[in-house]
N, C-alpha and C. Protein backbone atom coordinates (compact mmCIF):
# COMPACT_ATOMS: atom_id res chain seq x y z
N MET A 1 81.11 -15.72 -42.04
CA MET A 1 80.07 -15.65 -43.13
C MET A 1 80.10 -16.99 -43.90
N SER A 2 78.86 -17.32 -43.92
CA SER A 2 78.53 -18.79 -44.49
C SER A 2 78.92 -18.77 -46.05
N PRO A 3 79.30 -19.81 -46.70
CA PRO A 3 79.26 -19.70 -48.18
C PRO A 3 77.97 -19.91 -48.74
N PRO A 4 77.69 -19.37 -49.94
CA PRO A 4 76.35 -19.46 -50.46
C PRO A 4 75.92 -20.89 -50.82
N THR A 5 74.81 -21.24 -50.68
CA THR A 5 74.21 -22.54 -50.98
C THR A 5 73.71 -22.59 -52.42
N PRO A 6 73.71 -23.72 -53.14
CA PRO A 6 73.16 -23.77 -54.48
C PRO A 6 71.75 -23.60 -54.44
N LEU A 7 71.28 -22.70 -55.34
CA LEU A 7 69.86 -22.41 -55.58
C LEU A 7 69.19 -23.50 -56.25
N ASP A 8 67.82 -23.81 -55.84
CA ASP A 8 67.13 -24.76 -56.48
C ASP A 8 66.87 -24.27 -57.90
N SER A 9 66.63 -25.24 -58.80
CA SER A 9 66.54 -24.79 -60.20
C SER A 9 65.38 -23.82 -60.44
N GLY A 10 64.44 -23.66 -59.71
CA GLY A 10 63.23 -22.78 -59.84
C GLY A 10 63.68 -21.30 -59.66
N LYS A 11 64.73 -20.94 -58.99
CA LYS A 11 65.11 -19.65 -58.75
C LYS A 11 65.67 -18.94 -59.86
N ILE A 12 66.54 -19.62 -60.64
CA ILE A 12 67.25 -18.89 -61.64
C ILE A 12 66.74 -19.49 -62.95
N ASP A 13 65.94 -18.85 -63.70
CA ASP A 13 65.38 -19.27 -65.02
C ASP A 13 66.09 -18.79 -66.25
N ALA A 14 65.54 -19.09 -67.36
CA ALA A 14 66.16 -18.80 -68.78
C ALA A 14 66.40 -17.22 -68.74
N MET A 15 65.50 -16.42 -68.39
CA MET A 15 65.68 -15.00 -68.52
C MET A 15 66.78 -14.52 -67.68
N ASP A 16 66.88 -14.98 -66.39
CA ASP A 16 68.03 -14.64 -65.40
C ASP A 16 69.34 -14.92 -66.20
N ARG A 17 69.39 -16.27 -66.78
CA ARG A 17 70.58 -16.54 -67.41
C ARG A 17 71.04 -15.74 -68.51
N GLN A 18 70.08 -15.23 -69.20
CA GLN A 18 70.18 -14.34 -70.43
C GLN A 18 70.89 -13.00 -69.72
N ILE A 19 70.30 -12.58 -68.76
CA ILE A 19 70.73 -11.28 -68.14
C ILE A 19 72.12 -11.56 -67.79
N ILE A 20 72.59 -12.76 -67.25
CA ILE A 20 73.82 -12.91 -66.73
C ILE A 20 74.68 -12.86 -67.87
N ALA A 21 74.38 -13.56 -68.86
CA ALA A 21 75.16 -13.68 -70.07
C ALA A 21 75.60 -12.27 -70.68
N ALA A 22 74.57 -11.42 -70.59
CA ALA A 22 74.78 -10.05 -71.16
C ALA A 22 75.81 -9.28 -70.27
N LEU A 23 75.71 -9.49 -69.02
CA LEU A 23 76.58 -8.81 -67.95
C LEU A 23 78.01 -9.39 -68.02
N LYS A 24 78.01 -10.67 -68.28
CA LYS A 24 79.39 -11.31 -68.64
C LYS A 24 80.21 -10.77 -69.66
N LYS A 25 79.50 -10.24 -70.72
CA LYS A 25 80.10 -9.64 -71.85
C LYS A 25 80.41 -8.25 -71.48
N ASP A 26 79.62 -7.52 -70.80
CA ASP A 26 79.88 -6.20 -70.41
C ASP A 26 79.17 -5.79 -68.96
N GLY A 27 79.89 -5.95 -67.96
CA GLY A 27 79.33 -5.67 -66.65
C GLY A 27 78.77 -4.28 -66.48
N ARG A 28 78.95 -3.32 -67.38
CA ARG A 28 78.40 -1.98 -67.25
C ARG A 28 77.20 -1.89 -68.19
N MET A 29 76.87 -2.86 -68.92
CA MET A 29 75.73 -2.71 -69.87
C MET A 29 74.53 -2.26 -69.35
N PRO A 30 73.90 -1.12 -69.72
CA PRO A 30 72.64 -0.57 -69.09
C PRO A 30 71.51 -1.57 -69.25
N PHE A 31 70.67 -1.51 -68.03
CA PHE A 31 69.48 -2.35 -68.17
C PHE A 31 68.73 -2.21 -69.32
N ALA A 32 68.57 -0.92 -69.75
CA ALA A 32 67.63 -0.79 -71.02
C ALA A 32 68.19 -1.57 -72.24
N GLN A 33 69.51 -1.55 -72.32
CA GLN A 33 70.20 -2.19 -73.48
C GLN A 33 69.96 -3.73 -73.41
N ILE A 34 70.13 -4.31 -72.14
CA ILE A 34 69.76 -5.73 -71.86
C ILE A 34 68.30 -6.03 -72.22
N ALA A 35 67.50 -5.15 -71.74
CA ALA A 35 66.08 -5.41 -71.90
C ALA A 35 65.72 -5.43 -73.31
N GLN A 36 66.14 -4.56 -74.15
CA GLN A 36 65.98 -4.36 -75.58
C GLN A 36 66.50 -5.76 -76.16
N ARG A 37 67.74 -6.16 -75.91
CA ARG A 37 68.14 -7.45 -76.44
C ARG A 37 67.19 -8.62 -76.36
N LEU A 38 66.63 -8.57 -75.03
CA LEU A 38 65.84 -9.65 -74.47
C LEU A 38 64.35 -9.53 -74.79
N GLY A 39 63.93 -8.34 -75.15
CA GLY A 39 62.53 -8.15 -75.47
C GLY A 39 61.70 -7.95 -74.26
N VAL A 40 62.12 -7.36 -73.22
CA VAL A 40 61.57 -7.12 -71.84
C VAL A 40 61.62 -5.68 -71.46
N SER A 41 60.93 -5.31 -70.43
CA SER A 41 61.11 -4.04 -69.92
C SER A 41 62.56 -3.81 -69.06
N PRO A 42 62.96 -2.51 -69.19
CA PRO A 42 64.14 -2.32 -68.34
C PRO A 42 63.84 -2.51 -66.89
N GLY A 43 62.72 -2.37 -66.33
CA GLY A 43 62.36 -2.54 -64.93
C GLY A 43 62.35 -3.98 -64.52
N MET A 44 61.97 -4.96 -65.54
CA MET A 44 62.07 -6.34 -65.30
C MET A 44 63.63 -6.82 -65.02
N VAL A 45 64.46 -6.18 -65.94
CA VAL A 45 65.82 -6.53 -66.01
C VAL A 45 66.49 -6.11 -64.53
N ARG A 46 66.14 -4.79 -64.26
CA ARG A 46 66.57 -4.13 -62.83
C ARG A 46 66.23 -5.11 -61.62
N GLN A 47 65.00 -5.37 -61.64
CA GLN A 47 64.46 -6.16 -60.67
C GLN A 47 65.09 -7.56 -60.43
N ARG A 48 65.27 -8.17 -61.62
CA ARG A 48 65.95 -9.48 -61.57
C ARG A 48 67.36 -9.29 -61.12
N PHE A 49 68.07 -8.32 -61.73
CA PHE A 49 69.54 -8.15 -61.29
C PHE A 49 69.66 -8.04 -59.84
N HIS A 50 68.78 -6.97 -59.26
CA HIS A 50 68.84 -6.70 -57.80
C HIS A 50 68.60 -8.05 -57.13
N ARG A 51 67.64 -8.71 -57.46
CA ARG A 51 67.29 -9.96 -56.79
C ARG A 51 68.49 -11.02 -56.84
N MET A 52 69.18 -11.13 -57.94
CA MET A 52 70.33 -12.07 -58.00
C MET A 52 71.46 -11.61 -57.22
N VAL A 53 71.62 -10.35 -57.11
CA VAL A 53 72.73 -9.63 -56.39
C VAL A 53 72.42 -10.05 -54.95
N GLN A 54 71.32 -9.77 -54.49
CA GLN A 54 70.78 -9.95 -53.01
C GLN A 54 70.86 -11.43 -52.62
N GLU A 55 70.60 -12.26 -53.53
CA GLU A 55 70.70 -13.69 -53.26
C GLU A 55 72.19 -14.37 -53.55
N GLY A 56 73.14 -13.46 -53.91
CA GLY A 56 74.56 -13.74 -54.01
C GLY A 56 74.78 -14.80 -55.36
N VAL A 57 73.77 -14.78 -56.18
CA VAL A 57 74.05 -15.33 -57.45
C VAL A 57 74.99 -14.59 -58.33
N LEU A 58 75.05 -13.37 -58.34
CA LEU A 58 76.15 -12.64 -59.01
C LEU A 58 76.61 -11.31 -58.27
N GLN A 59 77.66 -10.91 -58.75
CA GLN A 59 78.18 -9.57 -58.21
C GLN A 59 78.96 -8.95 -59.33
N ILE A 60 78.92 -7.71 -59.35
CA ILE A 60 79.59 -6.82 -60.43
C ILE A 60 80.73 -6.06 -59.60
N VAL A 61 82.06 -6.44 -59.89
CA VAL A 61 83.18 -5.82 -59.34
C VAL A 61 84.30 -5.37 -60.26
N ALA A 62 85.11 -4.46 -59.91
CA ALA A 62 86.17 -4.11 -60.70
C ALA A 62 87.37 -4.99 -60.49
N VAL A 63 87.88 -5.55 -61.54
CA VAL A 63 89.05 -6.47 -61.46
C VAL A 63 90.28 -5.77 -61.77
N THR A 64 91.14 -5.71 -60.91
CA THR A 64 92.49 -5.09 -61.18
C THR A 64 93.67 -5.99 -61.49
N ASN A 65 94.57 -5.66 -62.12
CA ASN A 65 95.69 -6.44 -62.41
C ASN A 65 96.86 -6.18 -61.51
N PRO A 66 97.12 -7.15 -60.68
CA PRO A 66 97.98 -7.05 -59.53
C PRO A 66 99.36 -6.73 -59.92
N LEU A 67 99.90 -7.02 -61.17
CA LEU A 67 101.20 -6.64 -61.57
C LEU A 67 101.20 -5.12 -61.95
N LEU A 68 100.12 -4.56 -62.38
CA LEU A 68 100.22 -3.09 -62.65
C LEU A 68 99.69 -2.36 -61.34
N MET A 69 99.26 -2.95 -60.42
CA MET A 69 98.98 -2.33 -58.95
C MET A 69 100.16 -2.36 -58.12
N GLY A 70 101.33 -2.87 -58.55
CA GLY A 70 102.45 -2.85 -57.74
C GLY A 70 102.62 -4.19 -56.92
N TYR A 71 102.10 -5.26 -57.34
CA TYR A 71 102.13 -6.62 -56.85
C TYR A 71 102.64 -7.62 -57.67
N PRO A 72 103.91 -7.62 -58.00
CA PRO A 72 104.35 -8.54 -59.12
C PRO A 72 104.57 -9.95 -58.70
N THR A 73 104.62 -10.14 -57.34
CA THR A 73 104.92 -11.39 -56.95
C THR A 73 103.45 -12.13 -56.44
N MET A 74 103.22 -13.23 -57.11
CA MET A 74 102.00 -14.00 -56.75
C MET A 74 102.37 -15.30 -56.50
N ALA A 75 101.85 -16.04 -55.53
CA ALA A 75 102.06 -17.34 -55.24
C ALA A 75 100.81 -18.08 -54.73
N LEU A 76 100.94 -19.48 -54.87
CA LEU A 76 99.85 -20.33 -54.36
C LEU A 76 100.57 -21.11 -53.17
N ILE A 77 99.89 -21.24 -52.09
CA ILE A 77 100.66 -21.81 -50.79
C ILE A 77 99.68 -22.93 -50.35
N GLY A 78 100.38 -24.22 -50.41
CA GLY A 78 99.57 -25.30 -49.97
C GLY A 78 99.81 -25.32 -48.33
N VAL A 79 98.81 -25.47 -47.60
CA VAL A 79 98.89 -25.50 -46.13
C VAL A 79 98.36 -26.72 -45.65
N LYS A 80 99.28 -27.24 -44.72
CA LYS A 80 98.77 -28.42 -43.91
C LYS A 80 98.59 -27.88 -42.59
N ALA A 81 97.37 -28.16 -41.90
CA ALA A 81 96.97 -27.60 -40.58
C ALA A 81 96.21 -28.58 -39.80
N ASP A 82 96.09 -28.22 -38.54
CA ASP A 82 95.46 -29.06 -37.51
C ASP A 82 93.95 -29.30 -37.98
N GLY A 83 93.60 -30.43 -38.25
CA GLY A 83 92.24 -30.73 -38.64
C GLY A 83 91.07 -30.32 -37.80
N ASN A 84 91.33 -30.30 -36.50
CA ASN A 84 90.24 -30.07 -35.52
C ASN A 84 89.96 -28.61 -35.52
N ARG A 85 90.85 -27.72 -36.10
CA ARG A 85 90.62 -26.26 -36.14
C ARG A 85 90.63 -25.73 -37.56
N LEU A 86 90.42 -26.46 -38.43
CA LEU A 86 90.56 -26.06 -39.87
C LEU A 86 89.86 -24.95 -40.22
N GLU A 87 88.60 -24.77 -39.94
CA GLU A 87 87.84 -23.59 -40.45
C GLU A 87 88.40 -22.32 -39.66
N GLU A 88 88.63 -22.53 -38.46
CA GLU A 88 89.11 -21.29 -37.61
C GLU A 88 90.46 -20.86 -38.18
N ILE A 89 91.26 -21.85 -38.46
CA ILE A 89 92.67 -21.37 -39.18
C ILE A 89 92.50 -20.59 -40.47
N ALA A 90 91.49 -21.29 -41.24
CA ALA A 90 91.26 -20.75 -42.62
C ALA A 90 90.71 -19.32 -42.47
N GLU A 91 89.81 -18.95 -41.47
CA GLU A 91 89.34 -17.55 -41.25
C GLU A 91 90.40 -16.59 -40.84
N GLN A 92 91.43 -17.15 -40.06
CA GLN A 92 92.51 -16.30 -39.63
C GLN A 92 93.27 -16.04 -40.80
N VAL A 93 93.63 -16.94 -41.66
CA VAL A 93 94.62 -16.76 -42.67
C VAL A 93 93.88 -15.90 -43.75
N ALA A 94 92.70 -16.08 -44.02
CA ALA A 94 91.84 -15.27 -44.92
C ALA A 94 91.73 -13.72 -44.56
N ALA A 95 91.98 -13.51 -43.33
CA ALA A 95 91.98 -12.05 -42.94
C ALA A 95 93.25 -11.25 -43.29
N PHE A 96 94.33 -11.85 -43.59
CA PHE A 96 95.57 -11.23 -44.06
C PHE A 96 95.34 -10.44 -45.33
N ASP A 97 95.83 -9.17 -45.61
CA ASP A 97 95.63 -8.49 -46.70
C ASP A 97 96.13 -9.18 -47.82
N GLU A 98 97.17 -9.87 -47.81
CA GLU A 98 97.91 -10.43 -49.06
C GLU A 98 97.04 -11.64 -49.59
N VAL A 99 96.12 -12.20 -48.73
CA VAL A 99 95.40 -13.37 -49.31
C VAL A 99 94.30 -12.96 -50.20
N ILE A 100 94.23 -13.32 -51.53
CA ILE A 100 93.39 -12.95 -52.39
C ILE A 100 92.25 -14.16 -52.63
N TYR A 101 92.64 -15.30 -52.26
CA TYR A 101 91.85 -16.45 -52.62
C TYR A 101 92.28 -17.60 -51.58
N LEU A 102 91.26 -18.24 -51.02
CA LEU A 102 91.60 -19.36 -50.00
C LEU A 102 90.45 -20.43 -50.07
N VAL A 103 90.84 -21.63 -50.18
CA VAL A 103 89.82 -22.76 -50.18
C VAL A 103 90.38 -23.89 -49.26
N LEU A 104 89.41 -24.50 -48.54
CA LEU A 104 89.61 -25.81 -47.90
C LEU A 104 89.53 -26.92 -48.94
N CYS A 105 90.38 -27.88 -48.89
CA CYS A 105 90.37 -28.77 -49.92
C CYS A 105 90.75 -30.16 -49.48
N THR A 106 90.68 -31.23 -50.36
CA THR A 106 91.00 -32.43 -50.10
C THR A 106 92.53 -32.60 -50.87
N GLY A 107 93.11 -33.79 -50.52
CA GLY A 107 94.45 -34.06 -51.02
C GLY A 107 95.72 -33.70 -50.08
N SER A 108 96.78 -33.47 -50.57
CA SER A 108 98.01 -33.25 -49.83
C SER A 108 97.90 -32.09 -48.89
N TYR A 109 97.11 -31.03 -49.17
CA TYR A 109 96.95 -29.99 -48.39
C TYR A 109 95.49 -29.62 -47.84
N ASP A 110 95.53 -29.01 -46.66
CA ASP A 110 94.17 -28.79 -46.20
C ASP A 110 93.68 -27.49 -46.71
N LEU A 111 94.68 -26.55 -46.97
CA LEU A 111 94.16 -25.18 -47.56
C LEU A 111 95.04 -24.91 -48.80
N LEU A 112 94.43 -24.14 -49.70
CA LEU A 112 95.28 -23.63 -50.74
C LEU A 112 95.01 -22.01 -50.74
N VAL A 113 96.13 -21.25 -50.59
CA VAL A 113 96.04 -19.93 -50.38
C VAL A 113 96.88 -19.11 -51.50
N GLU A 114 96.05 -18.34 -52.12
CA GLU A 114 96.65 -17.48 -53.09
C GLU A 114 96.99 -16.13 -52.57
N VAL A 115 98.21 -15.75 -52.78
CA VAL A 115 98.53 -14.36 -52.26
C VAL A 115 99.19 -13.57 -53.37
N ILE A 116 99.10 -12.16 -53.07
CA ILE A 116 99.92 -11.15 -53.93
C ILE A 116 100.82 -10.37 -52.94
N CYS A 117 102.03 -10.19 -53.51
CA CYS A 117 103.04 -9.49 -52.61
C CYS A 117 103.89 -8.52 -53.51
N ARG A 118 104.52 -7.57 -52.87
CA ARG A 118 105.26 -6.65 -53.61
C ARG A 118 106.50 -7.15 -54.25
N ASP A 119 107.15 -8.04 -53.62
CA ASP A 119 108.36 -8.55 -53.92
C ASP A 119 108.63 -9.90 -53.16
N ASN A 120 109.61 -10.68 -53.49
CA ASN A 120 110.07 -11.82 -52.70
C ASN A 120 110.24 -11.58 -51.24
N ALA A 121 110.80 -10.30 -50.97
CA ALA A 121 110.91 -10.05 -49.51
C ALA A 121 109.69 -9.96 -48.76
N HIS A 122 108.73 -9.34 -49.48
CA HIS A 122 107.36 -9.17 -48.78
C HIS A 122 106.77 -10.63 -48.59
N LEU A 123 106.88 -11.43 -49.58
CA LEU A 123 106.43 -12.83 -49.45
C LEU A 123 107.05 -13.50 -48.47
N LEU A 124 108.23 -13.42 -48.17
CA LEU A 124 108.90 -14.12 -47.09
C LEU A 124 108.54 -13.61 -45.81
N ARG A 125 108.24 -12.30 -45.64
CA ARG A 125 107.65 -11.75 -44.34
C ARG A 125 106.38 -12.30 -44.22
N PHE A 126 105.48 -12.33 -45.22
CA PHE A 126 104.33 -13.08 -44.93
C PHE A 126 104.23 -14.39 -44.51
N LEU A 127 105.10 -15.14 -45.12
CA LEU A 127 105.31 -16.66 -44.58
C LEU A 127 105.79 -16.64 -43.24
N THR A 128 106.82 -16.01 -42.86
CA THR A 128 107.33 -16.19 -41.63
C THR A 128 106.83 -15.45 -40.47
N GLU A 129 106.31 -14.07 -40.85
CA GLU A 129 105.84 -13.33 -39.65
C GLU A 129 104.15 -13.35 -39.46
N ARG A 130 103.52 -13.93 -40.45
CA ARG A 130 102.06 -13.89 -40.52
C ARG A 130 101.50 -15.30 -40.60
N LEU A 131 101.82 -16.04 -41.68
CA LEU A 131 101.35 -17.37 -41.80
C LEU A 131 101.68 -18.34 -40.81
N TYR A 132 103.08 -18.27 -40.60
CA TYR A 132 103.55 -19.32 -39.60
C TYR A 132 103.23 -18.84 -38.14
N SER A 133 102.63 -17.73 -37.93
CA SER A 133 102.27 -17.13 -36.59
C SER A 133 100.86 -17.77 -36.38
N VAL A 134 100.12 -18.13 -37.26
CA VAL A 134 98.74 -18.76 -37.15
C VAL A 134 98.85 -20.04 -36.33
N GLU A 135 98.29 -20.12 -35.12
CA GLU A 135 98.44 -21.50 -34.36
C GLU A 135 97.62 -22.58 -35.14
N GLY A 136 98.30 -23.71 -35.42
CA GLY A 136 97.66 -24.78 -36.14
C GLY A 136 98.17 -24.96 -37.46
N VAL A 137 98.96 -23.98 -37.99
CA VAL A 137 99.58 -24.05 -39.34
C VAL A 137 100.89 -24.97 -39.01
N ARG A 138 100.89 -26.19 -39.67
CA ARG A 138 101.89 -27.17 -39.43
C ARG A 138 102.92 -27.17 -40.54
N ASP A 139 102.56 -27.05 -41.72
CA ASP A 139 103.48 -27.13 -42.92
C ASP A 139 103.12 -26.37 -44.02
N THR A 140 103.94 -25.96 -44.94
CA THR A 140 103.50 -25.16 -46.07
C THR A 140 104.47 -25.61 -47.27
N GLU A 141 103.90 -25.41 -48.37
CA GLU A 141 104.77 -25.39 -49.62
C GLU A 141 104.31 -24.33 -50.54
N THR A 142 105.20 -23.47 -50.97
CA THR A 142 104.87 -22.25 -51.70
C THR A 142 105.33 -22.44 -53.22
N PHE A 143 104.32 -22.05 -54.06
CA PHE A 143 104.42 -22.25 -55.43
C PHE A 143 104.48 -20.68 -56.03
N ILE A 144 105.58 -20.09 -56.45
CA ILE A 144 105.58 -18.72 -56.89
C ILE A 144 105.18 -18.79 -58.36
N TYR A 145 104.27 -17.95 -58.78
CA TYR A 145 103.77 -17.81 -60.22
C TYR A 145 105.00 -17.12 -61.08
N LEU A 146 105.35 -18.02 -62.13
CA LEU A 146 106.31 -17.51 -63.14
C LEU A 146 105.51 -16.65 -64.21
N LYS A 147 104.41 -17.30 -64.71
CA LYS A 147 103.60 -16.51 -65.66
C LYS A 147 102.12 -17.10 -65.61
N ILE A 148 101.29 -16.06 -65.72
CA ILE A 148 99.73 -16.63 -65.66
C ILE A 148 99.46 -16.78 -67.07
N VAL A 149 99.10 -17.92 -67.58
CA VAL A 149 98.59 -18.36 -68.86
C VAL A 149 97.09 -18.19 -69.04
N LYS A 150 96.31 -18.44 -68.10
CA LYS A 150 94.88 -18.32 -68.13
C LYS A 150 94.31 -17.84 -66.94
N GLU A 151 93.50 -16.80 -66.78
CA GLU A 151 92.89 -16.39 -65.81
C GLU A 151 91.59 -15.78 -66.14
N ILE A 152 90.34 -16.61 -65.69
CA ILE A 152 89.12 -16.09 -66.14
C ILE A 152 88.30 -15.80 -64.74
N TYR A 153 87.22 -14.82 -64.95
CA TYR A 153 86.44 -14.53 -63.82
C TYR A 153 84.86 -14.81 -64.26
N SER A 154 84.75 -15.49 -65.31
CA SER A 154 83.38 -15.72 -65.96
C SER A 154 83.31 -17.09 -66.35
N TRP A 155 82.28 -17.82 -65.75
CA TRP A 155 82.25 -19.30 -66.02
C TRP A 155 80.96 -19.52 -66.71
N GLY A 156 80.81 -20.50 -67.52
CA GLY A 156 79.63 -20.81 -68.22
C GLY A 156 78.34 -21.19 -67.34
N SER A 157 77.38 -21.34 -68.10
CA SER A 157 76.08 -21.81 -67.28
C SER A 157 76.25 -23.12 -66.82
N PRO A 158 75.51 -23.61 -65.80
CA PRO A 158 75.67 -24.94 -65.17
C PRO A 158 75.45 -25.98 -66.27
N GLU A 159 74.66 -25.67 -67.33
CA GLU A 159 74.53 -26.72 -68.50
C GLU A 159 75.77 -26.60 -69.41
N GLY A 160 76.52 -25.64 -69.34
CA GLY A 160 77.65 -25.57 -70.27
C GLY A 160 77.36 -25.11 -71.62
N GLU A 161 76.24 -24.76 -71.72
CA GLU A 161 75.70 -24.29 -73.06
C GLU A 161 75.45 -22.81 -73.29
N PRO A 162 75.72 -22.06 -74.34
CA PRO A 162 75.31 -20.72 -74.43
C PRO A 162 73.90 -20.59 -74.14
N GLN A 163 73.39 -19.52 -73.55
CA GLN A 163 72.07 -19.36 -73.31
C GLN A 163 71.25 -18.66 -74.40
N ASN A 164 71.90 -18.04 -75.31
CA ASN A 164 71.14 -17.45 -76.38
C ASN A 164 71.84 -17.33 -77.62
N LYS A 165 71.26 -17.04 -78.70
CA LYS A 165 71.73 -17.19 -80.07
C LYS A 165 72.96 -16.32 -80.23
N ASP A 166 73.15 -15.16 -79.75
CA ASP A 166 74.22 -14.35 -79.78
C ASP A 166 75.45 -14.98 -79.38
N ASP A 167 75.38 -15.62 -78.11
CA ASP A 167 76.43 -16.31 -77.48
C ASP A 167 76.84 -17.50 -78.31
N ARG A 168 76.12 -18.20 -79.03
CA ARG A 168 76.50 -19.22 -79.76
C ARG A 168 77.29 -18.87 -80.93
N GLU A 169 76.77 -17.67 -81.65
CA GLU A 169 77.42 -17.21 -82.66
C GLU A 169 78.85 -16.67 -82.51
N GLU A 170 79.00 -16.11 -81.20
CA GLU A 170 80.31 -15.49 -80.98
C GLU A 170 81.34 -16.60 -80.53
N GLU A 171 80.95 -17.82 -80.27
CA GLU A 171 81.93 -18.94 -79.82
C GLU A 171 82.47 -19.60 -81.18
N ARG A 172 81.93 -19.29 -82.28
CA ARG A 172 82.37 -19.92 -83.58
C ARG A 172 83.64 -19.29 -84.08
């Protein structure tokens, strides 16, 4: 699957940004409530929402807490891999159930892989039986999380400014 490409500035307008801002506060907010806040019809909100979902601009998902779901061991793994097969290696590693986030990057490592495991024994099995079995994985360094201090799933607008008056007032 290809990564999404940045949309040209004409596709996401101020109204879309306000719809996104409302959904960032409450992903289950009814279209009618969003429409009332923005002074437009629920049909307009629904149409724009579905377009943005279809174009990959946004998605609405349930976010679970791995600790409460029986996965108290979380780690970030820096992976050095064969450069001529980097994307193929990344796809193979991304297919493992334990992997919740994977990026190709610059720096000391070629891949950064975030995993969740039931315990340290599960993490060890993942490293030795799964990750190291991928042809082209040369070296790794594992960072086990002790405490998550900040975790967000909502980013600001590209301009970094709140998009409506209600957002500005809540930040104060």
